[in-house]
Amino acid sequence: MLDKPSRTTPWRYYEFFVQQNYNEFLNEEGSITRAFNACVPAFQLADVFYKYYQHHDRTKISQWKTPKDLLIHLCALEPHFVTIQSVTFVYKHLYATKGHYDVGSPMSLNGILTKKIEIAADWSNESGVPPRVTVRKRDQTEAYIVDALRPVVEKMWPRFLPQESDEDW
């Protein structure tokens, strides 16, 4: 039992949710489920960051008047964050009209198509490379989700988040 309750600081959220889901996805890059599970907390950390410092140290968020301003800043800081945001919005709105998704086996989502984005497992690769989850954006460019997550999870967040002291925990 803990002596005192711990807070969900941005760094704790990063370590326990962002990194853990990202690492699970890296172990199974062909899983759309794991891709979504990695994208959602990587995006959600922006909200955690903003809300945490709104209550504990407003100086850390003073340059952004709203959470939307922070998101705009993060998208400019790391363009791949836009892809992560798009995937997260698709996940949040799976019921989107004029879209479809296929469930190939229990708990295995094979693909999603909406007017704005397509996400699918790439099973066509015959060179022996494991399948990877791809995103086709509105402009018809394609990217692997792992290539969008890597700079967000491994570089942007660790550089962006302010250091925390033991008192924060």
N, C-alpha and C. Protein backbone atom coordinates (compact mmCIF):
# COMPACT_ATOMS: atom_id res chain seq x y z
N MET A 1 0.84 -1.18 0.00
CA MET A 1 0.00 0.00 0.00
C MET A 1 0.88 1.24 0.00
N LEU A 2 0.53 2.21 -0.79
CA LEU A 2 1.29 3.45 -0.86
C LEU A 2 1.01 4.32 0.36
N ASP A 3 2.06 5.02 0.83
CA ASP A 3 1.89 5.93 1.97
C ASP A 3 0.99 7.09 1.60
N LYS A 4 1.19 7.62 0.41
CA LYS A 4 0.34 8.71 -0.06
C LYS A 4 0.00 8.45 -1.52
N PRO A 5 -1.15 8.90 -1.95
CA PRO A 5 -1.51 8.64 -3.34
C PRO A 5 -0.57 9.38 -4.29
N SER A 6 -0.22 8.73 -5.37
CA SER A 6 0.65 9.38 -6.35
C SER A 6 -0.22 10.10 -7.37
N ARG A 7 0.36 11.11 -7.98
CA ARG A 7 -0.35 11.88 -8.99
C ARG A 7 -0.03 11.33 -10.37
N THR A 8 -0.95 11.52 -11.26
CA THR A 8 -0.68 11.18 -12.65
C THR A 8 -0.05 12.41 -13.28
N THR A 9 1.24 12.51 -13.12
CA THR A 9 1.97 13.62 -13.72
C THR A 9 2.15 13.32 -15.21
N PRO A 10 2.48 14.33 -16.00
CA PRO A 10 2.74 14.05 -17.41
C PRO A 10 3.82 12.99 -17.63
N TRP A 11 4.89 13.02 -16.84
CA TRP A 11 5.94 12.02 -17.02
C TRP A 11 5.46 10.62 -16.65
N ARG A 12 4.68 10.53 -15.58
CA ARG A 12 4.15 9.21 -15.21
C ARG A 12 3.23 8.69 -16.31
N TYR A 13 2.38 9.54 -16.83
CA TYR A 13 1.50 9.13 -17.92
C TYR A 13 2.34 8.68 -19.12
N TYR A 14 3.38 9.43 -19.42
CA TYR A 14 4.28 9.07 -20.52
C TYR A 14 4.89 7.69 -20.29
N GLU A 15 5.41 7.46 -19.10
CA GLU A 15 6.08 6.19 -18.81
C GLU A 15 5.12 5.00 -18.77
N PHE A 16 3.97 5.19 -18.13
CA PHE A 16 3.07 4.05 -17.91
C PHE A 16 2.08 3.80 -19.03
N PHE A 17 1.75 4.81 -19.81
CA PHE A 17 0.77 4.63 -20.87
C PHE A 17 1.38 4.80 -22.26
N VAL A 18 2.06 5.91 -22.49
CA VAL A 18 2.59 6.17 -23.82
C VAL A 18 3.67 5.15 -24.17
N GLN A 19 4.69 5.05 -23.34
CA GLN A 19 5.79 4.12 -23.64
C GLN A 19 5.34 2.66 -23.63
N GLN A 20 4.52 2.29 -22.66
CA GLN A 20 4.10 0.88 -22.56
C GLN A 20 3.31 0.45 -23.80
N ASN A 21 2.35 1.26 -24.22
CA ASN A 21 1.56 0.92 -25.40
C ASN A 21 2.41 0.96 -26.67
N TYR A 22 3.32 1.91 -26.74
CA TYR A 22 4.23 2.00 -27.88
C TYR A 22 5.10 0.75 -27.97
N ASN A 23 5.66 0.32 -26.85
CA ASN A 23 6.52 -0.88 -26.85
C ASN A 23 5.73 -2.13 -27.23
N GLU A 24 4.49 -2.23 -26.76
CA GLU A 24 3.66 -3.37 -27.15
C GLU A 24 3.40 -3.34 -28.66
N PHE A 25 3.17 -2.17 -29.21
CA PHE A 25 2.96 -2.05 -30.65
C PHE A 25 4.22 -2.44 -31.42
N LEU A 26 5.40 -2.02 -30.94
CA LEU A 26 6.64 -2.38 -31.62
C LEU A 26 6.83 -3.89 -31.70
N ASN A 27 6.30 -4.61 -30.72
CA ASN A 27 6.39 -6.06 -30.72
C ASN A 27 5.42 -6.72 -31.70
N GLU A 28 4.46 -5.93 -32.19
CA GLU A 28 3.45 -6.46 -33.11
C GLU A 28 3.00 -5.35 -34.07
N GLU A 29 3.90 -4.91 -34.92
CA GLU A 29 3.65 -3.76 -35.80
C GLU A 29 2.55 -3.99 -36.83
N GLY A 30 2.12 -5.21 -37.03
CA GLY A 30 1.05 -5.49 -37.97
C GLY A 30 -0.33 -5.43 -37.35
N SER A 31 -0.41 -5.12 -36.06
CA SER A 31 -1.69 -5.10 -35.35
C SER A 31 -2.29 -3.70 -35.34
N ILE A 32 -3.43 -3.56 -35.98
CA ILE A 32 -4.12 -2.27 -35.96
C ILE A 32 -4.56 -1.95 -34.54
N THR A 33 -5.01 -2.94 -33.81
CA THR A 33 -5.42 -2.72 -32.43
C THR A 33 -4.28 -2.12 -31.61
N ARG A 34 -3.09 -2.69 -31.72
CA ARG A 34 -1.94 -2.16 -30.98
C ARG A 34 -1.52 -0.79 -31.51
N ALA A 35 -1.70 -0.58 -32.81
CA ALA A 35 -1.38 0.74 -33.38
C ALA A 35 -2.27 1.81 -32.76
N PHE A 36 -3.57 1.54 -32.70
CA PHE A 36 -4.49 2.49 -32.06
C PHE A 36 -4.14 2.66 -30.59
N ASN A 37 -3.86 1.54 -29.92
CA ASN A 37 -3.53 1.61 -28.49
C ASN A 37 -2.27 2.41 -28.23
N ALA A 38 -1.39 2.52 -29.20
CA ALA A 38 -0.18 3.34 -29.04
C ALA A 38 -0.46 4.79 -29.40
N CYS A 39 -1.28 5.03 -30.40
CA CYS A 39 -1.56 6.40 -30.84
C CYS A 39 -2.39 7.19 -29.84
N VAL A 40 -3.40 6.55 -29.25
CA VAL A 40 -4.31 7.28 -28.36
C VAL A 40 -3.57 7.93 -27.18
N PRO A 41 -2.77 7.21 -26.39
CA PRO A 41 -2.09 7.89 -25.28
C PRO A 41 -1.00 8.85 -25.76
N ALA A 42 -0.37 8.57 -26.92
CA ALA A 42 0.64 9.50 -27.44
C ALA A 42 0.01 10.84 -27.78
N PHE A 43 -1.23 10.82 -28.21
CA PHE A 43 -1.96 12.06 -28.47
C PHE A 43 -2.55 12.63 -27.17
N GLN A 44 -3.15 11.76 -26.37
CA GLN A 44 -3.83 12.17 -25.13
C GLN A 44 -2.89 12.85 -24.15
N LEU A 45 -1.61 12.58 -24.24
CA LEU A 45 -0.65 13.20 -23.33
C LEU A 45 -0.71 14.72 -23.41
N ALA A 46 -1.09 15.27 -24.54
CA ALA A 46 -1.24 16.72 -24.65
C ALA A 46 -2.30 17.22 -23.67
N ASP A 47 -3.42 16.51 -23.58
CA ASP A 47 -4.47 16.90 -22.63
C ASP A 47 -4.02 16.71 -21.19
N VAL A 48 -3.35 15.59 -20.93
CA VAL A 48 -2.84 15.33 -19.58
C VAL A 48 -1.88 16.44 -19.17
N PHE A 49 -0.96 16.79 -20.06
CA PHE A 49 0.01 17.86 -19.81
C PHE A 49 -0.70 19.17 -19.49
N TYR A 50 -1.63 19.55 -20.35
CA TYR A 50 -2.30 20.84 -20.19
C TYR A 50 -3.11 20.89 -18.88
N LYS A 51 -3.89 19.87 -18.63
CA LYS A 51 -4.73 19.84 -17.42
C LYS A 51 -3.88 19.79 -16.15
N TYR A 52 -2.82 18.99 -16.18
CA TYR A 52 -1.97 18.87 -15.00
C TYR A 52 -1.38 20.24 -14.62
N TYR A 53 -0.80 20.91 -15.61
CA TYR A 53 -0.16 22.19 -15.30
C TYR A 53 -1.17 23.32 -15.13
N GLN A 54 -2.36 23.15 -15.62
CA GLN A 54 -3.42 24.12 -15.37
C GLN A 54 -3.73 24.14 -13.87
N HIS A 55 -3.61 22.99 -13.22
CA HIS A 55 -3.90 22.89 -11.79
C HIS A 55 -2.67 23.03 -10.90
N HIS A 56 -1.47 22.75 -11.42
CA HIS A 56 -0.29 22.68 -10.56
C HIS A 56 0.78 23.73 -10.84
N ASP A 57 0.86 24.25 -12.05
CA ASP A 57 1.89 25.25 -12.36
C ASP A 57 1.56 25.91 -13.70
N ARG A 58 0.71 26.90 -13.66
CA ARG A 58 0.23 27.56 -14.87
C ARG A 58 1.36 28.19 -15.70
N THR A 59 2.50 28.44 -15.10
CA THR A 59 3.60 29.04 -15.87
C THR A 59 4.07 28.10 -16.98
N LYS A 60 3.89 26.80 -16.78
CA LYS A 60 4.35 25.82 -17.78
C LYS A 60 3.46 25.79 -19.02
N ILE A 61 2.25 26.37 -18.93
CA ILE A 61 1.34 26.39 -20.09
C ILE A 61 0.95 27.82 -20.48
N SER A 62 1.61 28.79 -19.93
CA SER A 62 1.20 30.19 -20.13
C SER A 62 1.27 30.65 -21.59
N GLN A 63 2.09 30.01 -22.40
CA GLN A 63 2.19 30.44 -23.79
C GLN A 63 1.04 29.94 -24.66
N TRP A 64 0.20 29.04 -24.12
CA TRP A 64 -0.94 28.52 -24.86
C TRP A 64 -2.21 28.89 -24.10
N LYS A 65 -3.07 29.67 -24.73
CA LYS A 65 -4.30 30.10 -24.06
C LYS A 65 -5.31 28.97 -23.90
N THR A 66 -5.29 28.03 -24.83
CA THR A 66 -6.24 26.92 -24.81
C THR A 66 -5.52 25.61 -25.14
N PRO A 67 -6.15 24.49 -24.83
CA PRO A 67 -5.56 23.21 -25.25
C PRO A 67 -5.38 23.13 -26.77
N LYS A 68 -6.28 23.73 -27.52
CA LYS A 68 -6.15 23.72 -28.98
C LYS A 68 -4.87 24.43 -29.41
N ASP A 69 -4.52 25.54 -28.73
CA ASP A 69 -3.28 26.24 -29.05
C ASP A 69 -2.07 25.34 -28.81
N LEU A 70 -2.13 24.55 -27.76
CA LEU A 70 -1.05 23.59 -27.49
C LEU A 70 -0.96 22.57 -28.61
N LEU A 71 -2.10 22.03 -29.06
CA LEU A 71 -2.10 21.05 -30.15
C LEU A 71 -1.50 21.63 -31.42
N ILE A 72 -1.84 22.87 -31.73
CA ILE A 72 -1.28 23.53 -32.91
C ILE A 72 0.23 23.63 -32.77
N HIS A 73 0.70 23.97 -31.58
CA HIS A 73 2.15 24.07 -31.33
C HIS A 73 2.82 22.70 -31.51
N LEU A 74 2.21 21.66 -30.96
CA LEU A 74 2.81 20.32 -31.06
C LEU A 74 2.85 19.84 -32.50
N CYS A 75 1.83 20.15 -33.28
CA CYS A 75 1.82 19.77 -34.71
C CYS A 75 2.92 20.50 -35.47
N ALA A 76 3.20 21.74 -35.09
CA ALA A 76 4.29 22.48 -35.73
C ALA A 76 5.64 21.95 -35.26
N LEU A 77 5.71 21.57 -34.00
CA LEU A 77 6.95 21.05 -33.42
C LEU A 77 7.32 19.70 -34.05
N GLU A 78 6.34 18.85 -34.24
CA GLU A 78 6.56 17.52 -34.82
C GLU A 78 5.42 17.21 -35.79
N PRO A 79 5.66 17.37 -37.08
CA PRO A 79 4.60 17.13 -38.08
C PRO A 79 3.95 15.75 -38.00
N HIS A 80 4.67 14.74 -37.52
CA HIS A 80 4.07 13.41 -37.39
C HIS A 80 2.98 13.37 -36.32
N PHE A 81 2.97 14.35 -35.44
CA PHE A 81 1.93 14.43 -34.42
C PHE A 81 0.55 14.57 -35.07
N VAL A 82 0.50 15.20 -36.25
CA VAL A 82 -0.76 15.35 -36.99
C VAL A 82 -1.31 13.98 -37.36
N THR A 83 -0.44 13.07 -37.80
CA THR A 83 -0.87 11.72 -38.15
C THR A 83 -1.41 11.00 -36.92
N ILE A 84 -0.71 11.13 -35.80
CA ILE A 84 -1.14 10.50 -34.55
C ILE A 84 -2.51 11.06 -34.15
N GLN A 85 -2.67 12.36 -34.29
CA GLN A 85 -3.95 13.00 -33.98
C GLN A 85 -5.06 12.45 -34.88
N SER A 86 -4.79 12.31 -36.17
CA SER A 86 -5.78 11.79 -37.11
C SER A 86 -6.19 10.37 -36.77
N VAL A 87 -5.22 9.52 -36.47
CA VAL A 87 -5.51 8.13 -36.11
C VAL A 87 -6.35 8.09 -34.84
N THR A 88 -6.02 8.92 -33.87
CA THR A 88 -6.77 8.97 -32.62
C THR A 88 -8.21 9.40 -32.86
N PHE A 89 -8.41 10.39 -33.72
CA PHE A 89 -9.77 10.84 -34.01
C PHE A 89 -10.57 9.75 -34.71
N VAL A 90 -9.93 9.00 -35.60
CA VAL A 90 -10.62 7.89 -36.26
C VAL A 90 -11.03 6.86 -35.20
N TYR A 91 -10.13 6.56 -34.28
CA TYR A 91 -10.41 5.59 -33.23
C TYR A 91 -11.60 6.05 -32.38
N LYS A 92 -11.60 7.33 -32.06
CA LYS A 92 -12.67 7.89 -31.23
C LYS A 92 -14.02 7.86 -31.95
N HIS A 93 -13.99 7.94 -33.28
CA HIS A 93 -15.22 8.02 -34.05
C HIS A 93 -15.36 6.85 -35.01
N LEU A 94 -15.16 5.64 -34.51
CA LEU A 94 -15.28 4.46 -35.37
C LEU A 94 -16.67 4.31 -35.97
N TYR A 95 -17.63 4.95 -35.37
CA TYR A 95 -18.99 4.87 -35.90
C TYR A 95 -19.21 5.86 -37.04
N ALA A 96 -18.14 6.52 -37.50
CA ALA A 96 -18.25 7.56 -38.53
C ALA A 96 -19.10 7.08 -39.70
N THR A 97 -19.94 7.96 -40.19
CA THR A 97 -20.79 7.60 -41.32
C THR A 97 -19.95 7.57 -42.59
N LYS A 98 -20.42 6.81 -43.54
CA LYS A 98 -19.76 6.64 -44.84
C LYS A 98 -18.36 6.05 -44.71
N GLY A 99 -18.11 5.36 -43.65
CA GLY A 99 -16.86 4.66 -43.48
C GLY A 99 -17.16 3.18 -43.29
N HIS A 100 -16.15 2.38 -43.24
CA HIS A 100 -16.38 0.98 -42.95
C HIS A 100 -15.18 0.43 -42.21
N TYR A 101 -15.39 -0.64 -41.53
CA TYR A 101 -14.29 -1.37 -40.93
C TYR A 101 -14.63 -2.84 -40.92
N ASP A 102 -13.63 -3.66 -41.02
CA ASP A 102 -13.81 -5.10 -41.08
C ASP A 102 -13.23 -5.73 -39.83
N VAL A 103 -13.93 -6.68 -39.30
CA VAL A 103 -13.42 -7.44 -38.17
C VAL A 103 -13.16 -8.85 -38.68
N GLY A 104 -11.88 -9.20 -38.83
CA GLY A 104 -11.53 -10.49 -39.41
C GLY A 104 -11.58 -11.61 -38.42
N SER A 105 -11.24 -11.34 -37.19
CA SER A 105 -11.30 -12.35 -36.14
C SER A 105 -11.55 -11.61 -34.84
N PRO A 106 -12.01 -12.30 -33.79
CA PRO A 106 -12.30 -11.60 -32.55
C PRO A 106 -11.11 -10.73 -32.10
N MET A 107 -11.40 -9.50 -31.78
CA MET A 107 -10.41 -8.54 -31.27
C MET A 107 -9.37 -8.15 -32.30
N SER A 108 -9.62 -8.37 -33.56
CA SER A 108 -8.65 -8.01 -34.58
C SER A 108 -9.31 -7.13 -35.63
N LEU A 109 -8.99 -5.88 -35.61
CA LEU A 109 -9.52 -4.92 -36.57
C LEU A 109 -8.59 -4.89 -37.77
N ASN A 110 -9.10 -5.12 -38.96
CA ASN A 110 -8.25 -5.22 -40.15
C ASN A 110 -8.12 -3.93 -40.93
N GLY A 111 -9.09 -3.05 -40.86
CA GLY A 111 -8.97 -1.83 -41.63
C GLY A 111 -10.10 -0.86 -41.37
N ILE A 112 -9.83 0.41 -41.59
CA ILE A 112 -10.81 1.47 -41.43
C ILE A 112 -10.67 2.43 -42.59
N LEU A 113 -11.79 2.86 -43.12
CA LEU A 113 -11.77 3.83 -44.21
C LEU A 113 -12.83 4.88 -43.92
N THR A 114 -12.43 6.13 -43.89
CA THR A 114 -13.37 7.24 -43.79
C THR A 114 -13.06 8.20 -44.92
N LYS A 115 -13.78 9.30 -44.97
CA LYS A 115 -13.52 10.28 -46.03
C LYS A 115 -12.14 10.92 -45.86
N LYS A 116 -11.61 10.94 -44.65
CA LYS A 116 -10.37 11.66 -44.39
C LYS A 116 -9.13 10.78 -44.31
N ILE A 117 -9.29 9.52 -43.91
CA ILE A 117 -8.11 8.71 -43.64
C ILE A 117 -8.43 7.23 -43.82
N GLU A 118 -7.44 6.47 -44.21
CA GLU A 118 -7.57 5.01 -44.29
C GLU A 118 -6.44 4.41 -43.47
N ILE A 119 -6.78 3.43 -42.65
CA ILE A 119 -5.78 2.75 -41.83
C ILE A 119 -5.94 1.27 -42.09
N ALA A 120 -4.86 0.60 -42.41
CA ALA A 120 -4.96 -0.83 -42.75
C ALA A 120 -3.66 -1.54 -42.43
N ALA A 121 -3.79 -2.83 -42.16
CA ALA A 121 -2.60 -3.67 -42.01
C ALA A 121 -2.11 -4.01 -43.41
N ASP A 122 -0.82 -3.88 -43.63
CA ASP A 122 -0.23 -4.16 -44.93
C ASP A 122 0.21 -5.62 -44.97
N TRP A 123 -0.64 -6.48 -45.52
CA TRP A 123 -0.36 -7.90 -45.58
C TRP A 123 0.15 -8.32 -46.95
N SER A 124 0.32 -7.36 -47.86
CA SER A 124 0.70 -7.70 -49.23
C SER A 124 2.20 -7.89 -49.40
N ASN A 125 2.97 -7.55 -48.41
CA ASN A 125 4.42 -7.63 -48.52
C ASN A 125 4.86 -9.10 -48.55
N GLU A 126 5.48 -9.50 -49.62
CA GLU A 126 5.89 -10.90 -49.76
C GLU A 126 7.38 -11.10 -49.53
N SER A 127 8.09 -10.08 -49.12
CA SER A 127 9.55 -10.18 -48.99
C SER A 127 9.98 -10.75 -47.64
N GLY A 128 9.05 -11.23 -46.85
CA GLY A 128 9.40 -11.78 -45.56
C GLY A 128 9.40 -10.75 -44.44
N VAL A 129 9.18 -9.49 -44.77
CA VAL A 129 9.10 -8.44 -43.75
C VAL A 129 7.74 -8.55 -43.07
N PRO A 130 7.70 -8.48 -41.75
CA PRO A 130 6.40 -8.59 -41.07
C PRO A 130 5.45 -7.47 -41.53
N PRO A 131 4.14 -7.73 -41.45
CA PRO A 131 3.18 -6.71 -41.85
C PRO A 131 3.27 -5.48 -40.96
N ARG A 132 2.92 -4.34 -41.54
CA ARG A 132 2.94 -3.08 -40.79
C ARG A 132 1.63 -2.34 -41.04
N VAL A 133 1.24 -1.54 -40.08
CA VAL A 133 0.01 -0.77 -40.21
C VAL A 133 0.32 0.51 -40.97
N THR A 134 -0.47 0.76 -42.01
CA THR A 134 -0.26 1.95 -42.83
C THR A 134 -1.43 2.91 -42.66
N VAL A 135 -1.13 4.17 -42.93
CA VAL A 135 -2.13 5.22 -42.92
C VAL A 135 -2.08 5.89 -44.28
N ARG A 136 -3.23 5.99 -44.93
CA ARG A 136 -3.31 6.78 -46.17
C ARG A 136 -4.10 8.03 -45.83
N LYS A 137 -3.47 9.17 -46.02
CA LYS A 137 -4.08 10.44 -45.64
C LYS A 137 -4.95 10.99 -46.77
N ARG A 138 -5.66 12.04 -46.46
CA ARG A 138 -6.57 12.68 -47.41
C ARG A 138 -5.86 13.04 -48.70
N ASP A 139 -4.59 13.46 -48.62
CA ASP A 139 -3.84 13.84 -49.82
C ASP A 139 -3.27 12.62 -50.55
N GLN A 140 -3.67 11.43 -50.13
CA GLN A 140 -3.27 10.14 -50.71
C GLN A 140 -1.83 9.73 -50.40
N THR A 141 -1.12 10.48 -49.57
CA THR A 141 0.20 10.03 -49.14
C THR A 141 0.01 8.92 -48.11
N GLU A 142 0.99 8.03 -48.04
CA GLU A 142 0.92 6.92 -47.11
C GLU A 142 2.09 6.97 -46.15
N ALA A 143 1.86 6.45 -44.97
CA ALA A 143 2.92 6.36 -43.98
C ALA A 143 2.66 5.15 -43.10
N TYR A 144 3.72 4.58 -42.58
CA TYR A 144 3.57 3.53 -41.57
C TYR A 144 3.34 4.22 -40.23
N ILE A 145 2.41 3.70 -39.46
CA ILE A 145 2.14 4.31 -38.15
C ILE A 145 3.39 4.29 -37.29
N VAL A 146 4.18 3.24 -37.37
CA VAL A 146 5.39 3.19 -36.56
C VAL A 146 6.31 4.37 -36.88
N ASP A 147 6.35 4.78 -38.16
CA ASP A 147 7.20 5.91 -38.55
C ASP A 147 6.66 7.24 -38.05
N ALA A 148 5.38 7.30 -37.78
CA ALA A 148 4.79 8.51 -37.19
C ALA A 148 4.94 8.50 -35.67
N LEU A 149 4.77 7.33 -35.08
CA LEU A 149 4.88 7.23 -33.61
C LEU A 149 6.30 7.45 -33.11
N ARG A 150 7.27 6.89 -33.82
CA ARG A 150 8.65 6.92 -33.34
C ARG A 150 9.12 8.34 -32.97
N PRO A 151 9.01 9.33 -33.86
CA PRO A 151 9.49 10.66 -33.48
C PRO A 151 8.64 11.33 -32.40
N VAL A 152 7.36 10.98 -32.33
CA VAL A 152 6.50 11.57 -31.30
C VAL A 152 6.84 10.99 -29.94
N VAL A 153 6.92 9.67 -29.85
CA VAL A 153 7.13 9.00 -28.57
C VAL A 153 8.59 9.07 -28.12
N GLU A 154 9.51 8.84 -29.04
CA GLU A 154 10.92 8.76 -28.64
C GLU A 154 11.62 10.11 -28.58
N LYS A 155 11.14 11.09 -29.33
CA LYS A 155 11.84 12.37 -29.39
C LYS A 155 11.02 13.54 -28.86
N MET A 156 9.83 13.77 -29.45
CA MET A 156 9.07 14.97 -29.12
C MET A 156 8.70 15.03 -27.63
N TRP A 157 8.02 13.99 -27.15
CA TRP A 157 7.57 14.05 -25.76
C TRP A 157 8.71 14.13 -24.75
N PRO A 158 9.76 13.31 -24.86
CA PRO A 158 10.84 13.45 -23.87
C PRO A 158 11.51 14.82 -23.89
N ARG A 159 11.60 15.45 -25.04
CA ARG A 159 12.19 16.79 -25.11
C ARG A 159 11.23 17.88 -24.65
N PHE A 160 9.94 17.65 -24.87
CA PHE A 160 8.93 18.68 -24.59
C PHE A 160 8.55 18.73 -23.11
N LEU A 161 8.38 17.58 -22.49
CA LEU A 161 7.89 17.55 -21.11
C LEU A 161 8.92 18.16 -20.15
N PRO A 162 8.47 19.04 -19.27
CA PRO A 162 9.41 19.61 -18.28
C PRO A 162 9.83 18.55 -17.26
N GLN A 163 11.02 18.70 -16.77
CA GLN A 163 11.50 17.78 -15.74
C GLN A 163 10.61 17.90 -14.51
N GLU A 164 10.46 16.81 -13.77
CA GLU A 164 9.65 16.81 -12.56
C GLU A 164 10.53 16.46 -11.37
N SER A 165 10.14 16.99 -10.26
CA SER A 165 10.87 16.70 -9.02
C SER A 165 10.14 15.58 -8.27
N ASP A 166 10.75 15.07 -7.23
CA ASP A 166 10.13 14.04 -6.41
C ASP A 166 8.82 14.52 -5.79
N GLU A 167 8.73 15.82 -5.56
CA GLU A 167 7.51 16.38 -4.96
C GLU A 167 6.33 16.28 -5.91
N ASP A 168 6.60 16.27 -7.22
CA ASP A 168 5.52 16.14 -8.19
C ASP A 168 4.87 14.76 -8.12
N TRP A 169 5.64 13.77 -7.65
CA TRP A 169 5.16 12.39 -7.63
C TRP A 169 4.48 12.13 -6.32
